[in-house]
Amino acid sequence: MKKNLLSLITIFLLFSCKPSEKDLTQIVIKKADDGFIDLMLNIVSKKETDSTVIFKAQGLDHTDTVGLEISLKKNIKAGIVNGEMKNTFLANGISFQSTGKESDRLVTALTKLYNLKSKNKMRTDKMTFEVANLNETDVDYNSGQYRFKAFLPTDDDIPELFVNFDFTNKLIALNEKDPEYRTGVISYLTKKQ
């Protein structure tokens, strides 16, 4: 009887784990020699509204699942056409939205990686911001790689962060533009509204 009960518990535990978590990427993919810290998140789901495509992005900070929702405006044309900047700046081009505890853990992980001190949680309002469209082709939301530079306005500065999409491999990278923006990035993500 004990053996059967133990077998049932083992089977339950094996199948109760979320299948997506076992395939999540460790968020720190690059702590470059030049001091830049880049984060990688897996796209685990995708949904659409009339004007945006919303990606649920997750990764692992050691064994903790971290993440957020990242929305990208629909129908984005090439930002660079024949070497010239055309559709470069997109108002409300990208937005971040907290998913709760996963997003709070993402902010905590990022704060530690940036060697900053903050115990704040990710803000809960939708964070929508202007981006520079750095792409030479129209965005295909199912395949290809696309780069954007995000402008995150705070009370003191406008920190920048690269938000890069790799739809072929279902990845989103949050790449540091400049280590001087670290405090501003955390301030933007945790600002009380």
Foldseek 3Di string as FASTA:
>chain_A
DVVVVVVVVVVCVVPVDDPVLVVFAAQFPDCDPVRWTKGKWFFPDWDDDPFWIKTWTWHDPPNDIATWIKIATPWAFFQAEPNRGDSFKDFQGMKTAGPPPNQQVVLVSLCVSLVHDDNFGFEHDIGTFMKTWNGHGIDDQQADKGKIWTFQDDPPGTAIWIWMAGNNRRMIMTIHPDSVCSVVVSCSRRPYD
